[in-house]
């Protein structure tokens, strides 16, 4: 497996553990709908579904990890989140978060951006 894939998987694992420590329940990981993938679907309050995009980098030289969520990715996340809500017959508010993971030999930093973007 390529290094960037391994780093991404490690970042998602770290993000899930981070959310669990903060009292979230992980409902699903790597939910796929058509070409869209949601890294983590979680819940803390019963009335809010949290869609989490995890961005992992080993360096912030080219920008912080959270800066790499494109408009196209946002549209795909919204589409997949809608499908998850419909498929599971949920009546909930949906919140979109980003968890930024910076991980290398000397640094391990996790940042959680709640309500990182709004669906449109």
PDB file of N, CA and C in Angstrom:
ATOM      1  N   UNK A   1       0.852  -1.177   0.000  1.00  0.00           N
ATOM      2  CA  UNK A   1       0.000   0.000   0.000  1.00  0.00           C
ATOM      3  C   UNK A   1       0.897   1.239   0.000  1.00  0.00           C
ATOM      4  N   UNK A   2       0.522   2.242  -0.753  1.00  0.00           N
ATOM      5  CA  UNK A   2       1.297   3.472  -0.851  1.00  0.00           C
ATOM      6  C   UNK A   2       1.291   4.222   0.476  1.00  0.00           C
ATOM      7  N   UNK A   3       2.374   4.957   0.723  1.00  0.00           N
ATOM      8  CA  UNK A   3       2.529   5.679   1.980  1.00  0.00           C
ATOM      9  C   UNK A   3       1.368   6.630   2.247  1.00  0.00           C
ATOM     10  N   UNK A   4       0.925   7.365   1.212  1.00  0.00           N
ATOM     11  CA  UNK A   4      -0.160   8.331   1.437  1.00  0.00           C
ATOM     12  C   UNK A   4      -1.459   7.628   1.830  1.00  0.00           C
ATOM     13  N   UNK A   5      -1.680   6.413   1.317  1.00  0.00           N
ATOM     14  CA  UNK A   5      -2.865   5.648   1.718  1.00  0.00           C
ATOM     15  C   UNK A   5      -2.760   5.202   3.168  1.00  0.00           C
ATOM     16  N   UNK A   6      -1.574   4.744   3.554  1.00  0.00           N
ATOM     17  CA  UNK A   6      -1.349   4.332   4.941  1.00  0.00           C
ATOM     18  C   UNK A   6      -1.519   5.511   5.890  1.00  0.00           C
ATOM     19  N   UNK A   7      -0.985   6.672   5.494  1.00  0.00           N
ATOM     20  CA  UNK A   7      -1.109   7.877   6.314  1.00  0.00           C
ATOM     21  C   UNK A   7      -2.573   8.279   6.450  1.00  0.00           C
ATOM     22  N   UNK A   8      -3.328   8.185   5.367  1.00  0.00           N
ATOM     23  CA  UNK A   8      -4.753   8.512   5.403  1.00  0.00           C
ATOM     24  C   UNK A   8      -5.528   7.590   6.328  1.00  0.00           C
ATOM     25  N   UNK A   9      -5.223   6.299   6.265  1.00  0.00           N
ATOM     26  CA  UNK A   9      -5.889   5.330   7.140  1.00  0.00           C
ATOM     27  C   UNK A   9      -5.524   5.590   8.604  1.00  0.00           C
ATOM     28  N   UNK A  10      -4.261   5.917   8.858  1.00  0.00           N
ATOM     29  CA  UNK A  10      -3.837   6.233  10.217  1.00  0.00           C
ATOM     30  C   UNK A  10      -4.556   7.483  10.715  1.00  0.00           C
ATOM     31  N   UNK A  11      -4.665   8.492   9.862  1.00  0.00           N
ATOM     32  CA  UNK A  11      -5.362   9.724  10.233  1.00  0.00           C
ATOM     33  C   UNK A  11      -6.826   9.471  10.568  1.00  0.00           C
ATOM     34  N   UNK A  12      -7.494   8.635   9.791  1.00  0.00           N
ATOM     35  CA  UNK A  12      -8.899   8.310  10.059  1.00  0.00           C
ATOM     36  C   UNK A  12      -9.040   7.555  11.377  1.00  0.00           C
ATOM     37  N   UNK A  13      -8.103   6.661  11.658  1.00  0.00           N
ATOM     38  CA  UNK A  13      -8.124   5.915  12.922  1.00  0.00           C
ATOM     39  C   UNK A  13      -7.929   6.875  14.093  1.00  0.00           C
ATOM     40  N   UNK A  14      -6.968   7.788  13.958  1.00  0.00           N
ATOM     41  CA  UNK A  14      -6.711   8.777  15.010  1.00  0.00           C
ATOM     42  C   UNK A  14      -7.929   9.673  15.218  1.00  0.00           C
ATOM     43  N   UNK A  15      -8.578  10.078  14.118  1.00  0.00           N
ATOM     44  CA  UNK A  15      -9.759  10.942  14.201  1.00  0.00           C
ATOM     45  C   UNK A  15     -10.904  10.222  14.903  1.00  0.00           C
ATOM     46  N   UNK A  16     -11.121   8.950  14.577  1.00  0.00           N
ATOM     47  CA  UNK A  16     -12.191   8.180  15.221  1.00  0.00           C
ATOM     48  C   UNK A  16     -11.928   8.048  16.715  1.00  0.00           C
ATOM     49  N   UNK A  17     -10.692   7.760  17.085  1.00  0.00           N
ATOM     50  CA  UNK A  17     -10.335   7.652  18.509  1.00  0.00           C
ATOM     51  C   UNK A  17     -10.527   8.992  19.223  1.00  0.00           C
ATOM     52  N   UNK A  18     -10.184  10.075  18.546  1.00  0.00           N
ATOM     53  CA  UNK A  18     -10.355  11.428  19.079  1.00  0.00           C
ATOM     54  C   UNK A  18     -11.839  11.700  19.361  1.00  0.00           C
ATOM     55  N   UNK A  19     -12.699  11.363  18.396  1.00  0.00           N
ATOM     56  CA  UNK A  19     -14.136  11.580  18.570  1.00  0.00           C
ATOM     57  C   UNK A  19     -14.691  10.735  19.713  1.00  0.00           C
ATOM     58  N   UNK A  20     -14.250   9.500  19.800  1.00  0.00           N
ATOM     59  CA  UNK A  20     -14.713   8.630  20.891  1.00  0.00           C
ATOM     60  C   UNK A  20     -14.338   9.226  22.250  1.00  0.00           C
ATOM     61  N   UNK A  21     -13.128   9.749  22.360  1.00  0.00           N
ATOM     62  CA  UNK A  21     -12.690  10.378  23.618  1.00  0.00           C
ATOM     63  C   UNK A  21     -13.536  11.604  23.951  1.00  0.00           C
ATOM     64  N   UNK A  22     -14.067  12.273  22.924  1.00  0.00           N
ATOM     65  CA  UNK A  22     -14.903  13.457  23.136  1.00  0.00           C
ATOM     66  C   UNK A  22     -16.377  13.102  23.342  1.00  0.00           C
ATOM     67  N   UNK A  23     -16.684  11.814  23.438  1.00  0.00           N
ATOM     68  CA  UNK A  23     -18.051  11.396  23.736  1.00  0.00           C
ATOM     69  C   UNK A  23     -18.936  11.116  22.543  1.00  0.00           C
ATOM     70  N   UNK A  24     -18.371  11.081  21.351  1.00  0.00           N
ATOM     71  CA  UNK A  24     -19.147  10.770  20.148  1.00  0.00           C
ATOM     72  C   UNK A  24     -19.307   9.268  20.012  1.00  0.00           C
ATOM     73  N   UNK A  25     -20.355   8.858  19.330  1.00  0.00           N
ATOM     74  CA  UNK A  25     -20.552   7.466  18.927  1.00  0.00           C
ATOM     75  C   UNK A  25     -20.260   7.401  17.435  1.00  0.00           C
ATOM     76  N   UNK A  26     -19.440   6.461  17.028  1.00  0.00           N
ATOM     77  CA  UNK A  26     -19.145   6.279  15.605  1.00  0.00           C
ATOM     78  C   UNK A  26     -20.207   5.347  15.034  1.00  0.00           C
ATOM     79  N   UNK A  27     -20.989   5.854  14.097  1.00  0.00           N
ATOM     80  CA  UNK A  27     -22.047   5.064  13.474  1.00  0.00           C
ATOM     81  C   UNK A  27     -21.546   4.290  12.264  1.00  0.00           C
ATOM     82  N   UNK A  28     -20.622   4.894  11.551  1.00  0.00           N
ATOM     83  CA  UNK A  28     -20.148   4.279  10.305  1.00  0.00           C
ATOM     84  C   UNK A  28     -18.804   4.900   9.934  1.00  0.00           C
ATOM     85  N   UNK A  29     -17.958   4.078   9.318  1.00  0.00           N
ATOM     86  CA  UNK A  29     -16.696   4.582   8.766  1.00  0.00           C
ATOM     87  C   UNK A  29     -16.632   4.187   7.303  1.00  0.00           C
ATOM     88  N   UNK A  30     -16.146   5.096   6.496  1.00  0.00           N
ATOM     89  CA  UNK A  30     -15.968   4.867   5.058  1.00  0.00           C
ATOM     90  C   UNK A  30     -17.269   4.474   4.364  1.00  0.00           C
ATOM     91  N   UNK A  31     -18.325   5.256   4.622  1.00  0.00           N
ATOM     92  CA  UNK A  31     -19.608   5.058   3.947  1.00  0.00           C
ATOM     93  C   UNK A  31     -19.474   5.537   2.508  1.00  0.00           C
ATOM     94  N   UNK A  32     -19.819   4.672   1.566  1.00  0.00           N
ATOM     95  CA  UNK A  32     -19.666   4.991   0.146  1.00  0.00           C
ATOM     96  C   UNK A  32     -21.035   5.028  -0.523  1.00  0.00           C
ATOM     97  N   UNK A  33     -21.252   6.083  -1.293  1.00  0.00           N
ATOM     98  CA  UNK A  33     -22.436   6.197  -2.135  1.00  0.00           C
ATOM     99  C   UNK A  33     -21.989   6.744  -3.480  1.00  0.00           C
ATOM    100  N   UNK A  34     -22.157   5.959  -4.511  1.00  0.00           N
ATOM    101  CA  UNK A  34     -21.699   6.285  -5.858  1.00  0.00           C
ATOM    102  C   UNK A  34     -20.212   6.662  -5.793  1.00  0.00           C
ATOM    103  N   UNK A  35     -19.851   7.885  -6.161  1.00  0.00           N
ATOM    104  CA  UNK A  35     -18.434   8.276  -6.142  1.00  0.00           C
ATOM    105  C   UNK A  35     -18.039   9.002  -4.862  1.00  0.00           C
ATOM    106  N   UNK A  36     -18.961   9.074  -3.927  1.00  0.00           N
ATOM    107  CA  UNK A  36     -18.718   9.832  -2.696  1.00  0.00           C
ATOM    108  C   UNK A  36     -18.388   8.893  -1.539  1.00  0.00           C
ATOM    109  N   UNK A  37     -17.488   9.337  -0.694  1.00  0.00           N
ATOM    110  CA  UNK A  37     -17.154   8.579   0.511  1.00  0.00           C
ATOM    111  C   UNK A  37     -17.131   9.518   1.708  1.00  0.00           C
ATOM    112  N   UNK A  38     -17.807   9.097   2.765  1.00  0.00           N
ATOM    113  CA  UNK A  38     -17.768   9.824   4.032  1.00  0.00           C
ATOM    114  C   UNK A  38     -16.812   9.062   4.938  1.00  0.00           C
ATOM    115  N   UNK A  39     -15.800   9.753   5.446  1.00  0.00           N
ATOM    116  CA  UNK A  39     -14.803   9.097   6.293  1.00  0.00           C
ATOM    117  C   UNK A  39     -15.419   8.575   7.587  1.00  0.00           C
ATOM    118  N   UNK A  40     -16.150   9.446   8.291  1.00  0.00           N
ATOM    119  CA  UNK A  40     -16.746   9.063   9.573  1.00  0.00           C
ATOM    120  C   UNK A  40     -18.144   9.677   9.681  1.00  0.00           C
ATOM    121  N   UNK A  41     -19.095   8.851  10.112  1.00  0.00           N
ATOM    122  CA  UNK A  41     -20.421   9.346  10.463  1.00  0.00           C
ATOM    123  C   UNK A  41     -20.558   9.105  11.960  1.00  0.00           C
ATOM    124  N   UNK A  42     -20.820  10.184  12.691  1.00  0.00           N
ATOM    125  CA  UNK A  42     -20.842  10.086  14.150  1.00  0.00           C
ATOM    126  C   UNK A  42     -22.046  10.822  14.716  1.00  0.00           C
ATOM    127  N   UNK A  43     -22.249  10.626  16.006  1.00  0.00           N
ATOM    128  CA  UNK A  43     -23.338  11.296  16.701  1.00  0.00           C
ATOM    129  C   UNK A  43     -22.928  11.529  18.146  1.00  0.00           C
ATOM    130  N   UNK A  44     -23.257  12.708  18.634  1.00  0.00           N
ATOM    131  CA  UNK A  44     -23.055  13.007  20.054  1.00  0.00           C
ATOM    132  C   UNK A  44     -24.406  13.293  20.693  1.00  0.00           C
ATOM    133  N   UNK A  45     -25.182  14.148  20.045  1.00  0.00           N
ATOM    134  CA  UNK A  45     -26.560  14.407  20.458  1.00  0.00           C
ATOM    135  C   UNK A  45     -27.467  13.638  19.505  1.00  0.00           C
ATOM    136  N   UNK A  46     -28.552  13.108  20.027  1.00  0.00           N
ATOM    137  CA  UNK A  46     -29.450  12.261  19.235  1.00  0.00           C
ATOM    138  C   UNK A  46     -30.017  12.983  18.016  1.00  0.00           C
ATOM    139  N   UNK A  47     -30.180  14.295  18.109  1.00  0.00           N
ATOM    140  CA  UNK A  47     -30.830  15.022  17.015  1.00  0.00           C
ATOM    141  C   UNK A  47     -29.863  15.518  15.944  1.00  0.00           C
ATOM    142  N   UNK A  48     -28.563  15.253  16.106  1.00  0.00           N
ATOM    143  CA  UNK A  48     -27.583  15.751  15.141  1.00  0.00           C
ATOM    144  C   UNK A  48     -26.685  14.630  14.630  1.00  0.00           C
ATOM    145  N   UNK A  49     -26.656  14.484  13.319  1.00  0.00           N
ATOM    146  CA  UNK A  49     -25.755  13.546  12.658  1.00  0.00           C
ATOM    147  C   UNK A  49     -24.525  14.343  12.226  1.00  0.00           C
ATOM    148  N   UNK A  50     -23.349  13.839  12.537  1.00  0.00           N
ATOM    149  CA  UNK A  50     -22.118  14.554  12.222  1.00  0.00           C
ATOM    150  C   UNK A  50     -21.372  13.812  11.119  1.00  0.00           C
ATOM    151  N   UNK A  51     -21.204  14.483   9.994  1.00  0.00           N
ATOM    152  CA  UNK A  51     -20.470  13.960   8.847  1.00  0.00           C
ATOM    153  C   UNK A  51     -19.060  14.523   8.940  1.00  0.00           C
ATOM    154  N   UNK A  52     -18.077  13.641   9.028  1.00  0.00           N
ATOM    155  CA  UNK A  52     -16.705  14.087   9.273  1.00  0.00           C
ATOM    156  C   UNK A  52     -15.812  13.743   8.088  1.00  0.00           C
ATOM    157  N   UNK A  53     -15.164  14.754   7.551  1.00  0.00           N
ATOM    158  CA  UNK A  53     -14.133  14.584   6.533  1.00  0.00           C
ATOM    159  C   UNK A  53     -12.796  14.690   7.258  1.00  0.00           C
ATOM    160  N   UNK A  54     -11.970  13.680   7.103  1.00  0.00           N
ATOM    161  CA  UNK A  54     -10.661  13.662   7.753  1.00  0.00           C
ATOM    162  C   UNK A  54      -9.600  13.988   6.704  1.00  0.00           C
ATOM    163  N   UNK A  55      -8.769  14.963   7.005  1.00  0.00           N
ATOM    164  CA  UNK A  55      -7.669  15.330   6.121  1.00  0.00           C
ATOM    165  C   UNK A  55      -6.373  15.152   6.886  1.00  0.00           C
ATOM    166  N   UNK A  56      -5.504  14.309   6.354  1.00  0.00           N
ATOM    167  CA  UNK A  56      -4.251  13.989   7.019  1.00  0.00           C
ATOM    168  C   UNK A  56      -3.081  14.376   6.129  1.00  0.00           C
ATOM    169  N   UNK A  57      -2.109  15.007   6.722  1.00  0.00           N
ATOM    170  CA  UNK A  57      -0.877  15.388   6.030  1.00  0.00           C
ATOM    171  C   UNK A  57       0.299  15.128   6.960  1.00  0.00           C
ATOM    172  N   UNK A  58       1.480  14.977   6.371  1.00  0.00           N
ATOM    173  CA  UNK A  58       2.669  14.819   7.205  1.00  0.00           C
ATOM    174  C   UNK A  58       3.446  16.122   7.331  1.00  0.00           C
ATOM    175  N   UNK A  59       2.952  17.167   6.653  1.00  0.00           N
ATOM    176  CA  UNK A  59       3.600  18.471   6.712  1.00  0.00           C
ATOM    177  C   UNK A  59       2.587  19.551   6.361  1.00  0.00           C
ATOM    178  N   UNK A  60       2.768  20.716   6.957  1.00  0.00           N
ATOM    179  CA  UNK A  60       1.887  21.842   6.641  1.00  0.00           C
ATOM    180  C   UNK A  60       2.577  22.824   5.702  1.00  0.00           C
ATOM    181  N   UNK A  61       3.660  22.397   5.073  1.00  0.00           N
ATOM    182  CA  UNK A  61       4.430  23.275   4.188  1.00  0.00           C
ATOM    183  C   UNK A  61       3.557  23.859   3.080  1.00  0.00           C
ATOM    184  N   UNK A  62       2.683  23.053   2.511  1.00  0.00           N
ATOM    185  CA  UNK A  62       1.839  23.510   1.399  1.00  0.00           C
ATOM    186  C   UNK A  62       0.464  23.974   1.850  1.00  0.00           C
ATOM    187  N   UNK A  63       0.234  24.028   3.142  1.00  0.00           N
ATOM    188  CA  UNK A  63      -1.050  24.453   3.692  1.00  0.00           C
ATOM    189  C   UNK A  63      -1.522  23.474   4.744  1.00  0.00           C
ATOM    190  N   UNK A  64      -2.447  23.924   5.559  1.00  0.00           N
ATOM    191  CA  UNK A  64      -3.004  23.075   6.598  1.00  0.00           C
ATOM    192  C   UNK A  64      -3.917  22.024   5.972  1.00  0.00           C
ATOM    193  N   UNK A  65      -4.004  20.846   6.581  1.00  0.00           N
ATOM    194  CA  UNK A  65      -4.808  19.770   5.992  1.00  0.00           C
ATOM    195  C   UNK A  65      -6.244  20.169   5.671  1.00  0.00           C
ATOM    196  N   UNK A  66      -6.887  20.941   6.550  1.00  0.00           N
ATOM    197  CA  UNK A  66      -8.294  21.307   6.338  1.00  0.00           C
ATOM    198  C   UNK A  66      -8.497  22.182   5.105  1.00  0.00           C
ATOM    199  N   UNK A  67      -7.438  22.783   4.620  1.00  0.00           N
ATOM    200  CA  UNK A  67      -7.546  23.646   3.441  1.00  0.00           C
ATOM    201  C   UNK A  67      -7.690  22.855   2.142  1.00  0.00           C
ATOM    202  N   UNK A  68      -7.569  21.534   2.226  1.00  0.00           N
ATOM    203  CA  UNK A  68      -7.609  20.701   1.036  1.00  0.00           C
ATOM    204  C   UNK A  68      -8.975  20.069   0.772  1.00  0.00           C
ATOM    205  N   UNK A  69     -10.017  20.569   1.421  1.00  0.00           N
ATOM    206  CA  UNK A  69     -11.378  20.099   1.148  1.00  0.00           C
ATOM    207  C   UNK A  69     -11.944  21.001   0.048  1.00  0.00           C
ATOM    208  N   UNK A  70     -12.088  20.430  -1.133  1.00  0.00           N
ATOM    209  CA  UNK A  70     -12.525  21.208  -2.293  1.00  0.00           C
ATOM    210  C   UNK A  70     -14.043  21.357  -2.331  1.00  0.00           C
ATOM    211  N   UNK A  71     -14.506  22.282  -3.173  1.00  0.00           N
ATOM    212  CA  UNK A  71     -15.954  22.454  -3.366  1.00  0.00           C
ATOM    213  C   UNK A  71     -16.574  21.183  -3.937  1.00  0.00           C
ATOM    214  N   UNK A  72     -15.846  20.516  -4.809  1.00  0.00           N
ATOM    215  CA  UNK A  72     -16.336  19.260  -5.376  1.00  0.00           C
ATOM    216  C   UNK A  72     -16.504  18.194  -4.304  1.00  0.00           C
ATOM    217  N   UNK A  73     -15.557  18.142  -3.370  1.00  0.00           N
ATOM    218  CA  UNK A  73     -15.633  17.180  -2.273  1.00  0.00           C
ATOM    219  C   UNK A  73     -16.828  17.498  -1.380  1.00  0.00           C
ATOM    220  N   UNK A  74     -17.068  18.772  -1.137  1.00  0.00           N
ATOM    221  CA  UNK A  74     -18.220  19.183  -0.325  1.00  0.00           C
ATOM    222  C   UNK A  74     -19.511  18.692  -0.967  1.00  0.00           C
ATOM    223  N   UNK A  75     -19.646  18.878  -2.280  1.00  0.00           N
ATOM    224  CA  UNK A  75     -20.856  18.435  -2.980  1.00  0.00           C
ATOM    225  C   UNK A  75     -21.038  16.923  -2.854  1.00  0.00           C
ATOM    226  N   UNK A  76     -19.942  16.173  -2.984  1.00  0.00           N
ATOM    227  CA  UNK A  76     -20.031  14.719  -2.851  1.00  0.00           C
ATOM    228  C   UNK A  76     -20.417  14.316  -1.432  1.00  0.00           C
ATOM    229  N   UNK A  77     -19.866  15.002  -0.434  1.00  0.00           N
ATOM    230  CA  UNK A  77     -20.208  14.702   0.958  1.00  0.00           C
ATOM    231  C   UNK A  77     -21.688  14.950   1.226  1.00  0.00           C
ATOM    232  N   UNK A  78     -22.202  16.040   0.704  1.00  0.00           N
ATOM    233  CA  UNK A  78     -23.622  16.368   0.887  1.00  0.00           C
ATOM    234  C   UNK A  78     -24.491  15.291   0.241  1.00  0.00           C
ATOM    235  N   UNK A  79     -24.119  14.875  -0.949  1.00  0.00           N
ATOM    236  CA  UNK A  79     -24.871  13.839  -1.661  1.00  0.00           C
ATOM    237  C   UNK A  79     -24.870  12.527  -0.868  1.00  0.00           C
ATOM    238  N   UNK A  80     -23.712  12.120  -0.380  1.00  0.00           N
ATOM    239  CA  UNK A  80     -23.611  10.870   0.386  1.00  0.00           C
ATOM    240  C   UNK A  80     -24.337  10.988   1.723  1.00  0.00           C
ATOM    241  N   UNK A  81     -24.247  12.147   2.370  1.00  0.00           N
ATOM    242  CA  UNK A  81     -24.941  12.347   3.646  1.00  0.00           C
ATOM    243  C   UNK A  81     -26.449  12.251   3.458  1.00  0.00           C
ATOM    244  N   UNK A  82     -26.937  12.848   2.392  1.00  0.00           N
ATOM    245  CA  UNK A  82     -28.369  12.771   2.091  1.00  0.00           C
ATOM    246  C   UNK A  82     -28.792  11.320   1.904  1.00  0.00           C
ATOM    247  N   UNK A  83     -28.012  10.570   1.170  1.00  0.00           N
ATOM    248  CA  UNK A  83     -28.329   9.156   0.945  1.00  0.00           C
ATOM    249  C   UNK A  83     -28.341   8.383   2.264  1.00  0.00           C
ATOM    250  N   UNK A  84     -27.388   8.649   3.131  1.00  0.00           N
ATOM    251  CA  UNK A  84     -27.325   7.957   4.425  1.00  0.00           C
ATOM    252  C   UNK A  84     -28.579   8.254   5.252  1.00  0.00           C
ATOM    253  N   UNK A  85     -28.975   9.522   5.282  1.00  0.00           N
ATOM    254  CA  UNK A  85     -30.165   9.917   6.047  1.00  0.00           C
ATOM    255  C   UNK A  85     -31.419   9.241   5.483  1.00  0.00           C
ATOM    256  N   UNK A  86     -31.570   9.256   4.165  1.00  0.00           N
ATOM    257  CA  UNK A  86     -32.738   8.648   3.516  1.00  0.00           C
ATOM    258  C   UNK A  86     -32.724   7.130   3.711  1.00  0.00           C
ATOM    259  N   UNK A  87     -31.582   6.518   3.458  1.00  0.00           N
ATOM    260  CA  UNK A  87     -31.441   5.056   3.555  1.00  0.00           C
ATOM    261  C   UNK A  87     -31.765   4.543   4.964  1.00  0.00           C
ATOM    262  N   UNK A  88     -31.435   5.347   5.968  1.00  0.00           N
ATOM    263  CA  UNK A  88     -31.653   4.940   7.356  1.00  0.00           C
ATOM    264  C   UNK A  88     -32.904   5.558   7.975  1.00  0.00           C
ATOM    265  N   UNK A  89     -33.682   6.269   7.126  1.00  0.00           N
ATOM    266  CA  UNK A  89     -34.942   6.866   7.570  1.00  0.00           C
ATOM    267  C   UNK A  89     -34.767   7.716   8.834  1.00  0.00           C
ATOM    268  N   UNK A  90     -33.773   8.589   8.806  1.00  0.00           N
ATOM    269  CA  UNK A  90     -33.455   9.422   9.963  1.00  0.00           C
ATOM    270  C   UNK A  90     -34.128  10.783   9.873  1.00  0.00           C
ATOM    271  N   UNK A  91     -34.495  11.309  11.014  1.00  0.00           N
ATOM    272  CA  UNK A  91     -35.001  12.676  11.114  1.00  0.00           C
ATOM    273  C   UNK A  91     -34.037  13.402  12.049  1.00  0.00           C
ATOM    274  N   UNK A  92     -33.013  13.990  11.441  1.00  0.00           N
ATOM    275  CA  UNK A  92     -31.938  14.624  12.207  1.00  0.00           C
ATOM    276  C   UNK A  92     -31.433  15.864  11.484  1.00  0.00           C
ATOM    277  N   UNK A  93     -30.770  16.729  12.236  1.00  0.00           N
ATOM    278  CA  UNK A  93     -29.987  17.805  11.647  1.00  0.00           C
ATOM    279  C   UNK A  93     -28.666  17.184  11.216  1.00  0.00           C
ATOM    280  N   UNK A  94     -28.073  17.710  10.159  1.00  0.00           N
ATOM    281  CA  UNK A  94     -26.790  17.202   9.693  1.00  0.00           C
ATOM    282  C   UNK A  94     -25.754  18.310   9.806  1.00  0.00           C
ATOM    283  N   UNK A  95     -24.635  17.972  10.441  1.00  0.00           N
ATOM    284  CA  UNK A  95     -23.538  18.919  10.608  1.00  0.00           C
ATOM    285  C   UNK A  95     -22.315  18.357   9.894  1.00  0.00           C
ATOM    286  N   UNK A  96     -21.591  19.220   9.220  1.00  0.00           N
ATOM    287  CA  UNK A  96     -20.396  18.805   8.487  1.00  0.00           C
ATOM    288  C   UNK A  96     -19.157  19.341   9.205  1.00  0.00           C
ATOM    289  N   UNK A  97     -18.306  18.420   9.648  1.00  0.00           N
ATOM    290  CA  UNK A  97     -17.076  18.774  10.354  1.00  0.00           C
ATOM    291  C   UNK A  97     -15.868  18.326   9.545  1.00  0.00           C
ATOM    292  N   UNK A  98     -14.743  18.941   9.847  1.00  0.00           N
ATOM    293  CA  UNK A  98     -13.461  18.494   9.304  1.00  0.00           C
ATOM    294  C   UNK A  98     -12.554  18.208  10.489  1.00  0.00           C
ATOM    295  N   UNK A  99     -11.876  17.087  10.427  1.00  0.00           N
ATOM    296  CA  UNK A  99     -10.820  16.824  11.396  1.00  0.00           C
ATOM    297  C   UNK A  99      -9.512  16.828  10.621  1.00  0.00           C
ATOM    298  N   UNK A 100      -8.621  17.697  11.057  1.00  0.00           N
ATOM    299  CA  UNK A 100      -7.317  17.872  10.450  1.00  0.00           C
ATOM    300  C   UNK A 100      -6.291  17.115  11.285  1.00  0.00           C
ATOM    301  N   UNK A 101      -5.523  16.251  10.629  1.00  0.00           N
ATOM    302  CA  UNK A 101      -4.488  15.488  11.324  1.00  0.00           C
ATOM    303  C   UNK A 101      -3.144  15.802  10.674  1.00  0.00           C
ATOM    304  N   UNK A 102      -2.221  16.273  11.494  1.00  0.00           N
ATOM    305  CA  UNK A 102      -0.852  16.511  11.051  1.00  0.00           C
ATOM    306  C   UNK A 102       0.011  15.508  11.801  1.00  0.00           C
ATOM    307  N   UNK A 103       0.594  14.556  11.070  1.00  0.00           N
ATOM    308  CA  UNK A 103       1.314  13.457  11.712  1.00  0.00           C
ATOM    309  C   UNK A 103       2.609  13.170  10.974  1.00  0.00           C
ATOM    310  N   UNK A 104       3.705  13.275  11.714  1.00  0.00           N
ATOM    311  CA  UNK A 104       5.002  12.837  11.209  1.00  0.00           C
ATOM    312  C   UNK A 104       5.836  12.354  12.394  1.00  0.00           C
ATOM    313  N   UNK A 105       7.120  12.167  12.218  1.00  0.00           N
ATOM    314  CA  UNK A 105       7.959  11.611  13.281  1.00  0.00           C
ATOM    315  C   UNK A 105       8.014  12.485  14.524  1.00  0.00           C
ATOM    316  N   UNK A 106       7.887  13.786  14.340  1.00  0.00           N
ATOM    317  CA  UNK A 106       8.020  14.705  15.484  1.00  0.00           C
ATOM    318  C   UNK A 106       6.725  15.391  15.895  1.00  0.00           C
ATOM    319  N   UNK A 107       5.714  15.305  15.065  1.00  0.00           N
ATOM    320  CA  UNK A 107       4.483  16.053  15.318  1.00  0.00           C
ATOM    321  C   UNK A 107       3.263  15.146  15.225  1.00  0.00           C
ATOM    322  N   UNK A 108       2.341  15.358  16.145  1.00  0.00           N
ATOM    323  CA  UNK A 108       1.037  14.694  16.090  1.00  0.00           C
ATOM    324  C   UNK A 108       0.014  15.709  16.580  1.00  0.00           C
ATOM    325  N   UNK A 109      -0.728  16.273  15.642  1.00  0.00           N
ATOM    326  CA  UNK A 109      -1.670  17.341  15.978  1.00  0.00           C
ATOM    327  C   UNK A 109      -3.021  17.042  15.338  1.00  0.00           C
ATOM    328  N   UNK A 110      -4.077  17.115  16.150  1.00  0.00           N
ATOM    329  CA  UNK A 110      -5.439  16.909  15.657  1.00  0.00           C
ATOM    330  C   UNK A 110      -6.249  18.159  15.965  1.00  0.00           C
ATOM    331  N   UNK A 111      -6.938  18.673  14.946  1.00  0.00           N
ATOM    332  CA  UNK A 111      -7.834  19.812  15.133  1.00  0.00           C
ATOM    333  C   UNK A 111      -9.215  19.429  14.619  1.00  0.00           C
ATOM    334  N   UNK A 112     -10.244  19.812  15.372  1.00  0.00           N
ATOM    335  CA  UNK A 112     -11.622  19.497  15.012  1.00  0.00           C
ATOM    336  C   UNK A 112     -12.337  20.799  14.681  1.00  0.00           C
ATOM    337  N   UNK A 113     -12.800  20.919  13.451  1.00  0.00           N
ATOM    338  CA  UNK A 113     -13.526  22.102  12.998  1.00  0.00           C
ATOM    339  C   UNK A 113     -14.997  21.729  12.859  1.00  0.00           C
ATOM    340  N   UNK A 114     -15.792  22.110  13.850  1.00  0.00           N
ATOM    341  CA  UNK A 114     -17.224  21.838  13.806  1.00  0.00           C
ATOM    342  C   UNK A 114     -17.897  22.833  12.874  1.00  0.00           C
ATOM    343  N   UNK A 115     -18.974  22.395  12.216  1.00  0.00           N
ATOM    344  CA  UNK A 115     -19.686  23.246  11.246  1.00  0.00           C
ATOM    345  C   UNK A 115     -18.703  23.873  10.259  1.00  0.00           C
ATOM    346  N   UNK A 116     -17.841  23.045   9.720  1.00  0.00           N
ATOM    347  CA  UNK A 116     -16.786  23.532   8.833  1.00  0.00           C
ATOM    348  C   UNK A 116     -17.328  24.119   7.541  1.00  0.00           C
ATOM    349  N   UNK A 117     -18.465  23.612   7.091  1.00  0.00           N
ATOM    350  CA  UNK A 117     -19.124  24.179   5.917  1.00  0.00           C
ATOM    351  C   UNK A 117     -20.590  23.820   5.977  1.00  0.00           C
ATOM    352  N   UNK A 118     -21.375  24.553   5.219  1.00  0.00           N
ATOM    353  CA  UNK A 118     -22.816  24.321   5.192  1.00  0.00           C
ATOM    354  C   UNK A 118     -23.194  23.730   3.840  1.00  0.00           C
ATOM    355  N   UNK A 119     -24.153  22.842   3.852  1.00  0.00           N
ATOM    356  CA  UNK A 119     -24.614  22.272   2.590  1.00  0.00           C
ATOM    357  C   UNK A 119     -25.388  23.326   1.799  1.00  0.00           C
ATOM    358  N   UNK A 120     -25.487  23.116   0.526  1.00  0.00           N
ATOM    359  CA  UNK A 120     -26.158  24.080  -0.350  1.00  0.00           C
ATOM    360  C   UNK A 120     -26.951  23.367  -1.394  1.00  0.00           C
TER     361      UNK A 120
END
